[in-house]
Protein backbone atom coordinates (compact mmCIF):
# COMPACT_ATOMS: atom_id res chain seq x y z
CA ASN A 1 -7.83 -26.85 -0.05
CA VAL A 2 -6.58 -26.15 -3.57
CA ALA A 3 -10.03 -25.37 -5.01
CA CYS A 4 -10.65 -22.68 -2.37
CA GLN A 5 -7.24 -21.15 -3.06
CA VAL A 6 -7.97 -21.01 -6.80
CA VAL A 7 -11.31 -19.27 -6.16
CA ASN A 8 -9.58 -16.78 -3.85
CA ASP A 9 -6.89 -16.14 -6.47
CA VAL A 10 -9.34 -15.61 -9.35
CA PHE A 11 -12.08 -13.54 -7.70
CA PRO A 12 -12.04 -10.43 -5.50
CA PRO A 13 -12.32 -11.42 -1.80
CA HIS A 14 -16.01 -10.56 -1.27
CA ILE A 15 -16.98 -12.39 -4.47
CA ALA A 16 -14.85 -15.44 -3.59
CA LYS A 17 -16.47 -15.62 -0.15
CA ALA A 18 -19.98 -15.54 -1.62
CA LEU A 19 -19.16 -18.18 -4.25
CA LEU A 20 -17.54 -20.50 -1.70
CA GLU A 21 -20.65 -20.16 0.47
CA GLY A 22 -22.82 -21.10 -2.53
CA LYS A 23 -24.51 -17.70 -2.66
CA ALA A 24 -25.63 -15.94 -5.82
CA VAL A 25 -23.55 -12.92 -6.76
CA GLU A 26 -25.57 -9.97 -8.02
CA PRO A 27 -24.08 -7.45 -10.46
CA GLU A 28 -22.60 -4.52 -8.54
CA LYS A 29 -22.50 -0.93 -9.83
CA LEU A 30 -19.40 1.00 -8.80
CA GLU A 31 -19.30 4.74 -9.41
CA MET A 32 -15.57 5.42 -9.79
CA VAL A 33 -13.08 2.75 -10.82
CA SER A 34 -9.76 3.15 -12.64
CA VAL A 35 -9.37 0.60 -15.43
CA PHE A 36 -6.03 -0.39 -17.01
CA PHE A 37 -5.54 -2.27 -20.28
CA SER A 38 -2.24 -3.21 -21.87
CA ASP A 39 -1.16 -5.33 -24.77
CA ILE A 40 2.12 -6.35 -26.33
CA VAL A 41 3.17 -4.44 -29.43
CA SER A 42 3.57 -6.77 -32.46
CA TYR A 43 2.28 -9.77 -30.48
CA THR A 44 0.79 -11.49 -33.55
CA GLU A 45 4.11 -11.18 -35.34
CA LEU A 46 5.95 -12.54 -32.27
CA CYS A 47 3.63 -15.54 -32.19
CA SER A 48 4.41 -16.32 -35.82
CA THR A 49 8.18 -16.26 -35.24
CA LEU A 50 8.50 -17.80 -31.74
CA ALA A 51 7.65 -21.33 -30.66
CA ALA A 52 4.49 -21.49 -28.54
CA ASP A 53 6.43 -22.57 -25.43
CA LYS A 54 8.65 -19.48 -25.75
CA VAL A 55 5.58 -17.23 -26.08
CA SER A 56 4.10 -18.88 -23.00
CA ASN A 57 7.36 -18.38 -21.10
CA MET A 58 7.50 -14.70 -22.12
CA LEU A 59 3.89 -14.10 -21.03
CA ASP A 60 4.49 -15.88 -17.72
CA ARG A 61 7.57 -13.78 -16.96
CA LEU A 62 5.83 -10.54 -17.96
CA TYR A 63 2.57 -11.21 -16.12
CA SER A 64 4.44 -12.37 -13.01
CA LYS A 65 6.10 -8.93 -12.94
CA PHE A 66 2.72 -7.23 -13.46
CA ASP A 67 1.19 -9.34 -10.68
CA GLU A 68 3.99 -8.28 -8.29
CA LEU A 69 3.43 -4.65 -9.27
CA SER A 70 -0.30 -5.03 -8.65
CA VAL A 71 0.42 -6.03 -5.04
CA THR A 72 2.89 -3.15 -4.63
CA HIS A 73 0.41 -0.56 -5.94
CA GLY A 74 -2.85 -1.97 -4.55
CA VAL A 75 -4.17 -2.83 -8.00
CA THR A 76 -6.64 -5.68 -8.62
CA LYS A 77 -5.84 -7.91 -11.60
CA ILE A 78 -9.04 -8.82 -13.39
CA ASP A 79 -7.94 -10.93 -16.34
CA THR A 80 -5.38 -11.77 -18.97
CA ILE A 81 -6.59 -12.53 -22.45
CA GLY A 82 -3.68 -13.59 -24.64
CA ASP A 83 -1.37 -10.59 -24.58
CA ALA A 84 -3.90 -8.28 -22.90
CA TYR A 85 -3.75 -7.51 -19.17
CA LEU A 86 -6.77 -5.95 -17.44
CA ALA A 87 -6.59 -4.47 -13.95
CA THR A 88 -8.43 -1.96 -11.75
CA THR A 89 -8.16 0.19 -8.68
CA ASN A 90 -10.99 1.28 -6.38
CA LEU A 91 -12.87 -1.93 -7.09
CA LEU A 92 -12.66 -3.27 -3.55
CA ARG A 93 -12.78 -0.05 -1.54
CA ASN A 94 -15.07 2.44 -3.24
CA HIS A 95 -14.14 6.11 -2.76
CA ASP A 96 -10.43 5.40 -2.37
CA SER A 97 -9.02 8.91 -2.94
CA ASP A 98 -5.66 7.83 -4.39
CA HIS A 99 -6.87 5.16 -6.83
CA VAL A 100 -6.01 7.18 -9.95
CA ALA A 101 -2.48 7.94 -8.73
CA ARG A 102 -1.90 4.28 -7.80
CA MET A 103 -3.08 3.17 -11.23
CA ALA A 104 -0.84 5.71 -12.97
CA ARG A 105 2.18 4.51 -10.95
CA PHE A 106 1.28 0.89 -11.74
CA ALA A 107 0.99 1.68 -15.46
CA MET A 108 4.35 3.48 -15.54
CA ASP A 109 6.02 0.61 -13.70
CA ALA A 110 4.36 -1.92 -16.05
CA VAL A 111 5.86 -0.17 -19.09
CA VAL A 112 9.30 -0.30 -17.45
CA ALA A 113 8.82 -3.94 -16.37
CA ALA A 114 7.93 -4.89 -19.94
CA GLN A 115 11.05 -3.16 -21.25
CA GLY A 116 13.04 -5.26 -18.77
CA THR A 117 11.51 -8.52 -20.00
CA LEU A 118 13.35 -10.32 -22.79
CA ILE A 119 11.17 -11.69 -25.56
CA ASP A 120 13.33 -14.82 -25.67
CA GLU A 121 15.59 -15.56 -22.69
CA GLU A 122 17.84 -17.67 -24.93
CA ASP A 123 18.23 -14.97 -27.60
CA ALA A 124 18.64 -11.44 -26.23
CA ALA A 125 19.01 -10.17 -29.81
CA LYS A 126 15.22 -10.55 -30.18
CA GLY A 127 14.91 -7.61 -27.79
CA SER A 128 12.55 -6.79 -24.98
CA VAL A 129 8.80 -6.69 -24.68
CA VAL A 130 7.12 -3.40 -25.54
CA ILE A 131 3.58 -2.71 -24.39
CA ARG A 132 1.06 0.01 -25.01
CA ALA A 133 -1.41 0.88 -22.25
CA GLY A 134 -4.62 2.77 -21.66
CA ILE A 135 -6.33 3.99 -18.51
CA HIS A 136 -9.79 5.41 -17.97
CA CYS A 137 -11.81 6.15 -14.84
CA GLY A 138 -15.54 6.07 -14.30
CA PRO A 139 -18.48 3.83 -13.42
CA VAL A 140 -18.48 0.08 -14.07
CA VAL A 141 -20.69 -2.88 -13.37
CA ALA A 142 -18.84 -5.80 -11.79
CA SER A 143 -20.46 -9.18 -12.28
CA VAL A 144 -19.92 -12.92 -12.27
CA VAL A 145 -21.04 -14.61 -15.49
CA GLY A 146 -21.37 -18.26 -16.44
CA THR A 147 -22.48 -21.34 -14.57
CA LYS A 148 -20.01 -24.14 -15.23
CA THR A 149 -16.96 -21.88 -15.50
CA LYS A 150 -17.68 -18.68 -13.61
CA LYS A 151 -15.82 -15.55 -14.64
CA PHE A 152 -15.56 -12.15 -12.99
CA VAL A 153 -16.12 -9.37 -15.53
CA LEU A 154 -16.28 -5.59 -15.66
CA LEU A 155 -18.78 -3.99 -17.99
CA GLY A 156 -19.57 -0.49 -19.19
CA ASP A 157 -18.28 2.49 -21.11
CA THR A 158 -15.34 2.98 -18.74
CA VAL A 159 -13.98 -0.45 -19.69
CA ASN A 160 -14.57 0.18 -23.39
CA ILE A 161 -12.87 3.57 -23.28
CA ALA A 162 -9.84 2.17 -21.40
CA SER A 163 -9.57 -0.49 -24.10
CA ARG A 164 -9.74 2.15 -26.86
CA MET A 165 -7.14 4.27 -25.05
CA GLU A 166 -4.82 1.25 -25.09
CA SER A 167 -5.46 0.36 -28.73
CA THR A 168 -4.75 3.92 -29.90
CA SER A 169 -1.74 4.46 -27.65
CA LYS A 170 1.81 4.52 -29.00
CA ALA A 171 4.28 1.72 -28.32
CA GLY A 172 5.84 2.11 -24.88
CA HIS A 173 3.29 4.75 -23.85
CA ILE A 174 0.23 5.08 -21.63
CA GLN A 175 -2.81 7.00 -22.80
């Protein structure tokens, strides 16, 4: 069933199971999660110079690479918001001793994957995607919000700090 597959693709497994069974999902406090944020350098400028279908194509190619890397490194993708990509480790198996190392490897590979992604496949002269990234580790609250359109979210200072680490990072770097 397509609807079940979508739920399983969008939510972590234990959350998807509860939602498909019609159960309420309570907010869950996790003590140590690694949070990754990235965004595309000069994205607003790119959007003003590229047709929307080309921006969509670029994002699809980039995020497909990130999604493959997330499987390789045991990283859980949480969301994409425009040019921002949010992912975690240690969300599903608390006390995973290598979660920070896996996130660091994912982040390094994401920077390289971005550099290998053309902005416009039909015009290589436009160059490759450059991202900046931020990582932070600490406690989070994981929750499902909304009624009509449910969304899985992470809340707390750890998420905010990871976001600030990304926004203050240099192009092509991880902070």
